[in-house]
Amino acid sequence: MARAGRRWVDERRNTAGMHVTVDYTLCEGHGQCIMAAPDVFDLPDDSEQVVVLNPDPAADEQDAVVRAAAMCPAQAIRVS
């Protein structure tokens, strides 16, 4: 974090304007996305589908999130 004026600014904010969603009608819980972007996706114990931990990830996560979407066998991940 860096100080900007009188407030702290998170330098990892979403400067890419990226938003991640999962189509749960398609998600089969393969978990490939977790290997590519573990800070963005999770597969809780006893769950059959992934969870998006951070739908608006920081710009430095962009490559990992795009890779996660490409790796999804069900093509359930959308990045906009």
PDB file of N, CA and C in Angstrom:
ATOM      1  N   MET A   1       0.832  -1.178   0.000  1.00  0.00           N
ATOM      2  CA  MET A   1       0.000   0.000   0.000  1.00  0.00           C
ATOM      3  C   MET A   1       0.878   1.244   0.000  1.00  0.00           C
ATOM      4  N   ALA A   2       0.383   2.266  -0.614  1.00  0.00           N
ATOM      5  CA  ALA A   2       1.107   3.527  -0.669  1.00  0.00           C
ATOM      6  C   ALA A   2       0.202   4.629  -0.141  1.00  0.00           C
ATOM      7  N   ARG A   3       0.826   5.646   0.403  1.00  0.00           N
ATOM      8  CA  ARG A   3       0.050   6.757   0.928  1.00  0.00           C
ATOM      9  C   ARG A   3      -0.194   7.770  -0.178  1.00  0.00           C
ATOM     10  N   ALA A   4      -1.447   8.130  -0.373  1.00  0.00           N
ATOM     11  CA  ALA A   4      -1.821   9.129  -1.375  1.00  0.00           C
ATOM     12  C   ALA A   4      -2.603  10.218  -0.660  1.00  0.00           C
ATOM     13  N   GLY A   5      -1.940  11.341  -0.426  1.00  0.00           N
ATOM     14  CA  GLY A   5      -2.611  12.411   0.312  1.00  0.00           C
ATOM     15  C   GLY A   5      -2.854  11.970   1.747  1.00  0.00           C
ATOM     16  N   ARG A   6      -4.095  11.988   2.186  1.00  0.00           N
ATOM     17  CA  ARG A   6      -4.430  11.626   3.560  1.00  0.00           C
ATOM     18  C   ARG A   6      -4.966  10.214   3.702  1.00  0.00           C
ATOM     19  N   ARG A   7      -4.960   9.429   2.626  1.00  0.00           N
ATOM     20  CA  ARG A   7      -5.502   8.089   2.734  1.00  0.00           C
ATOM     21  C   ARG A   7      -4.543   7.088   2.100  1.00  0.00           C
ATOM     22  N   TRP A   8      -4.700   5.831   2.488  1.00  0.00           N
ATOM     23  CA  TRP A   8      -3.881   4.761   1.937  1.00  0.00           C
ATOM     24  C   TRP A   8      -4.548   4.213   0.695  1.00  0.00           C
ATOM     25  N   VAL A   9      -3.767   3.900  -0.303  1.00  0.00           N
ATOM     26  CA  VAL A   9      -4.281   3.378  -1.560  1.00  0.00           C
ATOM     27  C   VAL A   9      -3.692   1.990  -1.783  1.00  0.00           C
ATOM     28  N   ASP A  10      -4.546   1.028  -2.070  1.00  0.00           N
ATOM     29  CA  ASP A  10      -4.082  -0.320  -2.375  1.00  0.00           C
ATOM     30  C   ASP A  10      -3.530  -0.321  -3.788  1.00  0.00           C
ATOM     31  N   GLU A  11      -2.226  -0.544  -3.932  1.00  0.00           N
ATOM     32  CA  GLU A  11      -1.583  -0.519  -5.237  1.00  0.00           C
ATOM     33  C   GLU A  11      -1.984  -1.708  -6.098  1.00  0.00           C
ATOM     34  N   ARG A  12      -2.575  -2.746  -5.487  1.00  0.00           N
ATOM     35  CA  ARG A  12      -2.987  -3.922  -6.244  1.00  0.00           C
ATOM     36  C   ARG A  12      -4.445  -3.814  -6.673  1.00  0.00           C
ATOM     37  N   ARG A  13      -5.009  -2.645  -6.663  1.00  0.00           N
ATOM     38  CA  ARG A  13      -6.414  -2.501  -7.053  1.00  0.00           C
ATOM     39  C   ARG A  13      -6.597  -2.918  -8.508  1.00  0.00           C
ATOM     40  N   ASN A  14      -7.810  -3.131  -8.888  1.00  0.00           N
ATOM     41  CA  ASN A  14      -8.145  -3.622 -10.212  1.00  0.00           C
ATOM     42  C   ASN A  14      -8.006  -2.506 -11.242  1.00  0.00           C
ATOM     43  N   THR A  15      -6.786  -2.297 -11.714  1.00  0.00           N
ATOM     44  CA  THR A  15      -6.561  -1.264 -12.718  1.00  0.00           C
ATOM     45  C   THR A  15      -6.827  -1.792 -14.119  1.00  0.00           C
ATOM     46  N   ALA A  16      -6.996  -3.101 -14.252  1.00  0.00           N
ATOM     47  CA  ALA A  16      -7.266  -3.687 -15.565  1.00  0.00           C
ATOM     48  C   ALA A  16      -8.753  -3.633 -15.895  1.00  0.00           C
ATOM     49  N   GLY A  17      -9.594  -3.344 -14.899  1.00  0.00           N
ATOM     50  CA  GLY A  17     -11.022  -3.319 -15.130  1.00  0.00           C
ATOM     51  C   GLY A  17     -11.583  -4.699 -15.415  1.00  0.00           C
ATOM     52  N   MET A  18     -10.921  -5.720 -14.918  1.00  0.00           N
ATOM     53  CA  MET A  18     -11.291  -7.094 -15.183  1.00  0.00           C
ATOM     54  C   MET A  18     -12.330  -7.565 -14.168  1.00  0.00           C
ATOM     55  N   HIS A  19     -13.314  -8.340 -14.653  1.00  0.00           N
ATOM     56  CA  HIS A  19     -14.323  -8.921 -13.769  1.00  0.00           C
ATOM     57  C   HIS A  19     -14.462 -10.403 -14.126  1.00  0.00           C
ATOM     58  N   VAL A  20     -14.456 -11.260 -13.102  1.00  0.00           N
ATOM     59  CA  VAL A  20     -14.491 -12.707 -13.293  1.00  0.00           C
ATOM     60  C   VAL A  20     -15.821 -13.261 -12.801  1.00  0.00           C
ATOM     61  N   THR A  21     -16.444 -14.098 -13.631  1.00  0.00           N
ATOM     62  CA  THR A  21     -17.656 -14.801 -13.221  1.00  0.00           C
ATOM     63  C   THR A  21     -17.533 -16.266 -13.621  1.00  0.00           C
ATOM     64  N   VAL A  22     -18.308 -17.102 -12.938  1.00  0.00           N
ATOM     65  CA  VAL A  22     -18.382 -18.520 -13.271  1.00  0.00           C
ATOM     66  C   VAL A  22     -19.824 -18.852 -13.594  1.00  0.00           C
ATOM     67  N   ASP A  23     -20.028 -19.526 -14.714  1.00  0.00           N
ATOM     68  CA  ASP A  23     -21.356 -20.002 -15.078  1.00  0.00           C
ATOM     69  C   ASP A  23     -21.554 -21.331 -14.360  1.00  0.00           C
ATOM     70  N   TYR A  24     -22.329 -21.308 -13.294  1.00  0.00           N
ATOM     71  CA  TYR A  24     -22.495 -22.502 -12.466  1.00  0.00           C
ATOM     72  C   TYR A  24     -23.375 -23.555 -13.116  1.00  0.00           C
ATOM     73  N   THR A  25     -23.993 -23.237 -14.238  1.00  0.00           N
ATOM     74  CA  THR A  25     -24.703 -24.284 -14.979  1.00  0.00           C
ATOM     75  C   THR A  25     -23.711 -25.118 -15.783  1.00  0.00           C
ATOM     76  N   LEU A  26     -22.494 -24.593 -15.979  1.00  0.00           N
ATOM     77  CA  LEU A  26     -21.452 -25.304 -16.720  1.00  0.00           C
ATOM     78  C   LEU A  26     -20.351 -25.874 -15.833  1.00  0.00           C
ATOM     79  N   CYS A  27     -20.056 -25.220 -14.716  1.00  0.00           N
ATOM     80  CA  CYS A  27     -18.939 -25.615 -13.858  1.00  0.00           C
ATOM     81  C   CYS A  27     -19.131 -27.039 -13.341  1.00  0.00           C
ATOM     82  N   GLU A  28     -18.087 -27.857 -13.521  1.00  0.00           N
ATOM     83  CA  GLU A  28     -18.107 -29.243 -13.063  1.00  0.00           C
ATOM     84  C   GLU A  28     -17.119 -29.490 -11.934  1.00  0.00           C
ATOM     85  N   GLY A  29     -16.465 -28.418 -11.461  1.00  0.00           N
ATOM     86  CA  GLY A  29     -15.566 -28.528 -10.312  1.00  0.00           C
ATOM     87  C   GLY A  29     -14.259 -29.243 -10.584  1.00  0.00           C
ATOM     88  N   HIS A  30     -13.751 -29.168 -11.813  1.00  0.00           N
ATOM     89  CA  HIS A  30     -12.481 -29.814 -12.138  1.00  0.00           C
ATOM     90  C   HIS A  30     -11.318 -29.202 -11.363  1.00  0.00           C
ATOM     91  N   GLY A  31     -11.394 -27.909 -11.084  1.00  0.00           N
ATOM     92  CA  GLY A  31     -10.367 -27.231 -10.290  1.00  0.00           C
ATOM     93  C   GLY A  31      -9.139 -26.800 -11.054  1.00  0.00           C
ATOM     94  N   GLN A  32      -9.150 -26.877 -12.355  1.00  0.00           N
ATOM     95  CA  GLN A  32      -7.997 -26.448 -13.150  1.00  0.00           C
ATOM     96  C   GLN A  32      -7.699 -24.960 -12.923  1.00  0.00           C
ATOM     97  N   CYS A  33      -8.752 -24.177 -12.731  1.00  0.00           N
ATOM     98  CA  CYS A  33      -8.587 -22.738 -12.531  1.00  0.00           C
ATOM     99  C   CYS A  33      -7.801 -22.429 -11.261  1.00  0.00           C
ATOM    100  N   ILE A  34      -7.932 -23.287 -10.267  1.00  0.00           N
ATOM    101  CA  ILE A  34      -7.234 -23.059  -8.998  1.00  0.00           C
ATOM    102  C   ILE A  34      -5.725 -23.177  -9.192  1.00  0.00           C
ATOM    103  N   MET A  35      -5.314 -24.093 -10.042  1.00  0.00           N
ATOM    104  CA  MET A  35      -3.880 -24.236 -10.312  1.00  0.00           C
ATOM    105  C   MET A  35      -3.319 -22.997 -10.992  1.00  0.00           C
ATOM    106  N   ALA A  36      -4.111 -22.378 -11.847  1.00  0.00           N
ATOM    107  CA  ALA A  36      -3.639 -21.201 -12.582  1.00  0.00           C
ATOM    108  C   ALA A  36      -3.736 -19.916 -11.766  1.00  0.00           C
ATOM    109  N   ALA A  37      -4.803 -19.783 -10.974  1.00  0.00           N
ATOM    110  CA  ALA A  37      -5.036 -18.534 -10.233  1.00  0.00           C
ATOM    111  C   ALA A  37      -5.574 -18.840  -8.830  1.00  0.00           C
ATOM    112  N   PRO A  38      -4.729 -19.335  -7.937  1.00  0.00           N
ATOM    113  CA  PRO A  38      -5.185 -19.729  -6.604  1.00  0.00           C
ATOM    114  C   PRO A  38      -5.653 -18.580  -5.718  1.00  0.00           C
ATOM    115  N   ASP A  39      -5.287 -17.361  -6.044  1.00  0.00           N
ATOM    116  CA  ASP A  39      -5.753 -16.213  -5.265  1.00  0.00           C
ATOM    117  C   ASP A  39      -7.130 -15.735  -5.714  1.00  0.00           C
ATOM    118  N   VAL A  40      -7.607 -16.272  -6.831  1.00  0.00           N
ATOM    119  CA  VAL A  40      -8.889 -15.841  -7.390  1.00  0.00           C
ATOM    120  C   VAL A  40      -9.958 -16.916  -7.246  1.00  0.00           C
ATOM    121  N   PHE A  41      -9.544 -18.193  -7.323  1.00  0.00           N
ATOM    122  CA  PHE A  41     -10.503 -19.297  -7.282  1.00  0.00           C
ATOM    123  C   PHE A  41     -10.206 -20.247  -6.123  1.00  0.00           C
ATOM    124  N   ASP A  42     -11.254 -20.946  -5.673  1.00  0.00           N
ATOM    125  CA  ASP A  42     -11.097 -21.980  -4.642  1.00  0.00           C
ATOM    126  C   ASP A  42     -12.136 -23.062  -4.890  1.00  0.00           C
ATOM    127  N   LEU A  43     -11.861 -24.237  -4.387  1.00  0.00           N
ATOM    128  CA  LEU A  43     -12.807 -25.343  -4.422  1.00  0.00           C
ATOM    129  C   LEU A  43     -12.935 -25.849  -2.987  1.00  0.00           C
ATOM    130  N   PRO A  44     -13.932 -25.332  -2.251  1.00  0.00           N
ATOM    131  CA  PRO A  44     -14.086 -25.720  -0.852  1.00  0.00           C
ATOM    132  C   PRO A  44     -14.299 -27.228  -0.695  1.00  0.00           C
ATOM    133  N   ASP A  45     -13.920 -27.744   0.458  1.00  0.00           N
ATOM    134  CA  ASP A  45     -14.149 -29.149   0.755  1.00  0.00           C
ATOM    135  C   ASP A  45     -15.619 -29.487   0.559  1.00  0.00           C
ATOM    136  N   ASP A  46     -15.880 -30.653   0.038  1.00  0.00           N
ATOM    137  CA  ASP A  46     -17.238 -31.155  -0.190  1.00  0.00           C
ATOM    138  C   ASP A  46     -18.047 -30.300  -1.164  1.00  0.00           C
ATOM    139  N   SER A  47     -17.378 -29.512  -1.991  1.00  0.00           N
ATOM    140  CA  SER A  47     -18.074 -28.696  -2.978  1.00  0.00           C
ATOM    141  C   SER A  47     -17.872 -29.306  -4.355  1.00  0.00           C
ATOM    142  N   GLU A  48     -18.844 -29.150  -5.197  1.00  0.00           N
ATOM    143  CA  GLU A  48     -18.747 -29.666  -6.556  1.00  0.00           C
ATOM    144  C   GLU A  48     -18.451 -28.567  -7.572  1.00  0.00           C
ATOM    145  N   GLN A  49     -18.377 -27.316  -7.100  1.00  0.00           N
ATOM    146  CA  GLN A  49     -18.113 -26.200  -7.993  1.00  0.00           C
ATOM    147  C   GLN A  49     -17.126 -25.245  -7.349  1.00  0.00           C
ATOM    148  N   VAL A  50     -16.399 -24.538  -8.205  1.00  0.00           N
ATOM    149  CA  VAL A  50     -15.429 -23.565  -7.703  1.00  0.00           C
ATOM    150  C   VAL A  50     -16.138 -22.321  -7.193  1.00  0.00           C
ATOM    151  N   VAL A  51     -15.405 -21.569  -6.410  1.00  0.00           N
ATOM    152  CA  VAL A  51     -15.886 -20.308  -5.863  1.00  0.00           C
ATOM    153  C   VAL A  51     -14.920 -19.228  -6.326  1.00  0.00           C
ATOM    154  N   VAL A  52     -15.459 -18.100  -6.725  1.00  0.00           N
ATOM    155  CA  VAL A  52     -14.623 -16.963  -7.094  1.00  0.00           C
ATOM    156  C   VAL A  52     -14.337 -16.189  -5.813  1.00  0.00           C
ATOM    157  N   LEU A  53     -13.081 -16.200  -5.390  1.00  0.00           N
ATOM    158  CA  LEU A  53     -12.683 -15.490  -4.176  1.00  0.00           C
ATOM    159  C   LEU A  53     -12.599 -13.989  -4.393  1.00  0.00           C
ATOM    160  N   ASN A  54     -12.194 -13.615  -5.594  1.00  0.00           N
ATOM    161  CA  ASN A  54     -12.003 -12.205  -5.904  1.00  0.00           C
ATOM    162  C   ASN A  54     -12.506 -11.937  -7.325  1.00  0.00           C
ATOM    163  N   PRO A  55     -13.763 -11.500  -7.470  1.00  0.00           N
ATOM    164  CA  PRO A  55     -14.310 -11.289  -8.813  1.00  0.00           C
ATOM    165  C   PRO A  55     -13.690 -10.108  -9.568  1.00  0.00           C
ATOM    166  N   ASP A  56     -13.002  -9.227  -8.854  1.00  0.00           N
ATOM    167  CA  ASP A  56     -12.360  -8.065  -9.472  1.00  0.00           C
ATOM    168  C   ASP A  56     -10.878  -8.056  -9.098  1.00  0.00           C
ATOM    169  N   PRO A  57     -10.113  -9.016  -9.638  1.00  0.00           N
ATOM    170  CA  PRO A  57      -8.709  -9.135  -9.238  1.00  0.00           C
ATOM    171  C   PRO A  57      -7.848  -7.980  -9.733  1.00  0.00           C
ATOM    172  N   ALA A  58      -6.700  -7.849  -9.098  1.00  0.00           N
ATOM    173  CA  ALA A  58      -5.741  -6.806  -9.459  1.00  0.00           C
ATOM    174  C   ALA A  58      -5.174  -7.060 -10.848  1.00  0.00           C
ATOM    175  N   ALA A  59      -4.659  -6.031 -11.441  1.00  0.00           N
ATOM    176  CA  ALA A  59      -4.113  -6.105 -12.794  1.00  0.00           C
ATOM    177  C   ALA A  59      -3.003  -7.143 -12.906  1.00  0.00           C
ATOM    178  N   ASP A  60      -2.224  -7.327 -11.849  1.00  0.00           N
ATOM    179  CA  ASP A  60      -1.124  -8.298 -11.926  1.00  0.00           C
ATOM    180  C   ASP A  60      -1.617  -9.744 -11.916  1.00  0.00           C
ATOM    181  N   GLU A  61      -2.905  -9.962 -11.719  1.00  0.00           N
ATOM    182  CA  GLU A  61      -3.503 -11.303 -11.782  1.00  0.00           C
ATOM    183  C   GLU A  61      -4.087 -11.603 -13.163  1.00  0.00           C
ATOM    184  N   GLN A  62      -4.081 -10.628 -14.060  1.00  0.00           N
ATOM    185  CA  GLN A  62      -4.766 -10.772 -15.343  1.00  0.00           C
ATOM    186  C   GLN A  62      -4.297 -11.994 -16.132  1.00  0.00           C
ATOM    187  N   ASP A  63      -3.000 -12.188 -16.280  1.00  0.00           N
ATOM    188  CA  ASP A  63      -2.500 -13.322 -17.053  1.00  0.00           C
ATOM    189  C   ASP A  63      -2.951 -14.649 -16.441  1.00  0.00           C
ATOM    190  N   ALA A  64      -2.881 -14.750 -15.120  1.00  0.00           N
ATOM    191  CA  ALA A  64      -3.279 -15.985 -14.441  1.00  0.00           C
ATOM    192  C   ALA A  64      -4.770 -16.260 -14.612  1.00  0.00           C
ATOM    193  N   VAL A  65      -5.586 -15.221 -14.545  1.00  0.00           N
ATOM    194  CA  VAL A  65      -7.037 -15.390 -14.686  1.00  0.00           C
ATOM    195  C   VAL A  65      -7.399 -15.791 -16.112  1.00  0.00           C
ATOM    196  N   VAL A  66      -6.773 -15.179 -17.089  1.00  0.00           N
ATOM    197  CA  VAL A  66      -7.025 -15.545 -18.485  1.00  0.00           C
ATOM    198  C   VAL A  66      -6.587 -16.989 -18.729  1.00  0.00           C
ATOM    199  N   ARG A  67      -5.459 -17.381 -18.148  1.00  0.00           N
ATOM    200  CA  ARG A  67      -4.984 -18.756 -18.259  1.00  0.00           C
ATOM    201  C   ARG A  67      -5.968 -19.718 -17.592  1.00  0.00           C
ATOM    202  N   ALA A  68      -6.499 -19.333 -16.429  1.00  0.00           N
ATOM    203  CA  ALA A  68      -7.482 -20.165 -15.716  1.00  0.00           C
ATOM    204  C   ALA A  68      -8.729 -20.377 -16.569  1.00  0.00           C
ATOM    205  N   ALA A  69      -9.206 -19.330 -17.199  1.00  0.00           N
ATOM    206  CA  ALA A  69     -10.390 -19.445 -18.056  1.00  0.00           C
ATOM    207  C   ALA A  69     -10.110 -20.375 -19.236  1.00  0.00           C
ATOM    208  N   ALA A  70      -8.934 -20.269 -19.810  1.00  0.00           N
ATOM    209  CA  ALA A  70      -8.572 -21.110 -20.947  1.00  0.00           C
ATOM    210  C   ALA A  70      -8.421 -22.577 -20.541  1.00  0.00           C
ATOM    211  N   MET A  71      -7.985 -22.827 -19.309  1.00  0.00           N
ATOM    212  CA  MET A  71      -7.771 -24.190 -18.827  1.00  0.00           C
ATOM    213  C   MET A  71      -9.056 -24.895 -18.418  1.00  0.00           C
ATOM    214  N   CYS A  72     -10.129 -24.163 -18.232  1.00  0.00           N
ATOM    215  CA  CYS A  72     -11.381 -24.751 -17.742  1.00  0.00           C
ATOM    216  C   CYS A  72     -11.954 -25.719 -18.782  1.00  0.00           C
ATOM    217  N   PRO A  73     -12.039 -27.014 -18.472  1.00  0.00           N
ATOM    218  CA  PRO A  73     -12.571 -27.977 -19.436  1.00  0.00           C
ATOM    219  C   PRO A  73     -14.029 -27.721 -19.807  1.00  0.00           C
ATOM    220  N   ALA A  74     -14.775 -27.121 -18.904  1.00  0.00           N
ATOM    221  CA  ALA A  74     -16.201 -26.849 -19.154  1.00  0.00           C
ATOM    222  C   ALA A  74     -16.435 -25.463 -19.754  1.00  0.00           C
ATOM    223  N   GLN A  75     -15.349 -24.674 -19.868  1.00  0.00           N
ATOM    224  CA  GLN A  75     -15.438 -23.300 -20.377  1.00  0.00           C
ATOM    225  C   GLN A  75     -16.476 -22.494 -19.593  1.00  0.00           C
ATOM    226  N   ALA A  76     -16.429 -22.634 -18.263  1.00  0.00           N
ATOM    227  CA  ALA A  76     -17.406 -21.994 -17.381  1.00  0.00           C
ATOM    228  C   ALA A  76     -16.974 -20.634 -16.870  1.00  0.00           C
ATOM    229  N   ILE A  77     -15.736 -20.245 -17.103  1.00  0.00           N
ATOM    230  CA  ILE A  77     -15.204 -18.988 -16.558  1.00  0.00           C
ATOM    231  C   ILE A  77     -15.296 -17.891 -17.608  1.00  0.00           C
ATOM    232  N   ARG A  78     -15.810 -16.749 -17.186  1.00  0.00           N
ATOM    233  CA  ARG A  78     -15.914 -15.579 -18.068  1.00  0.00           C
ATOM    234  C   ARG A  78     -15.082 -14.450 -17.466  1.00  0.00           C
ATOM    235  N   VAL A  79     -14.288 -13.828 -18.309  1.00  0.00           N
ATOM    236  CA  VAL A  79     -13.479 -12.678 -17.907  1.00  0.00           C
ATOM    237  C   VAL A  79     -13.907 -11.515 -18.778  1.00  0.00           C
ATOM    238  N   SER A  80     -14.370 -10.456 -18.129  1.00  0.00           N
ATOM    239  CA  SER A  80     -14.820  -9.285 -18.894  1.00  0.00           C
ATOM    240  C   SER A  80     -14.165  -8.034 -18.357  1.00  0.00           C
TER     241      SER A  80
END
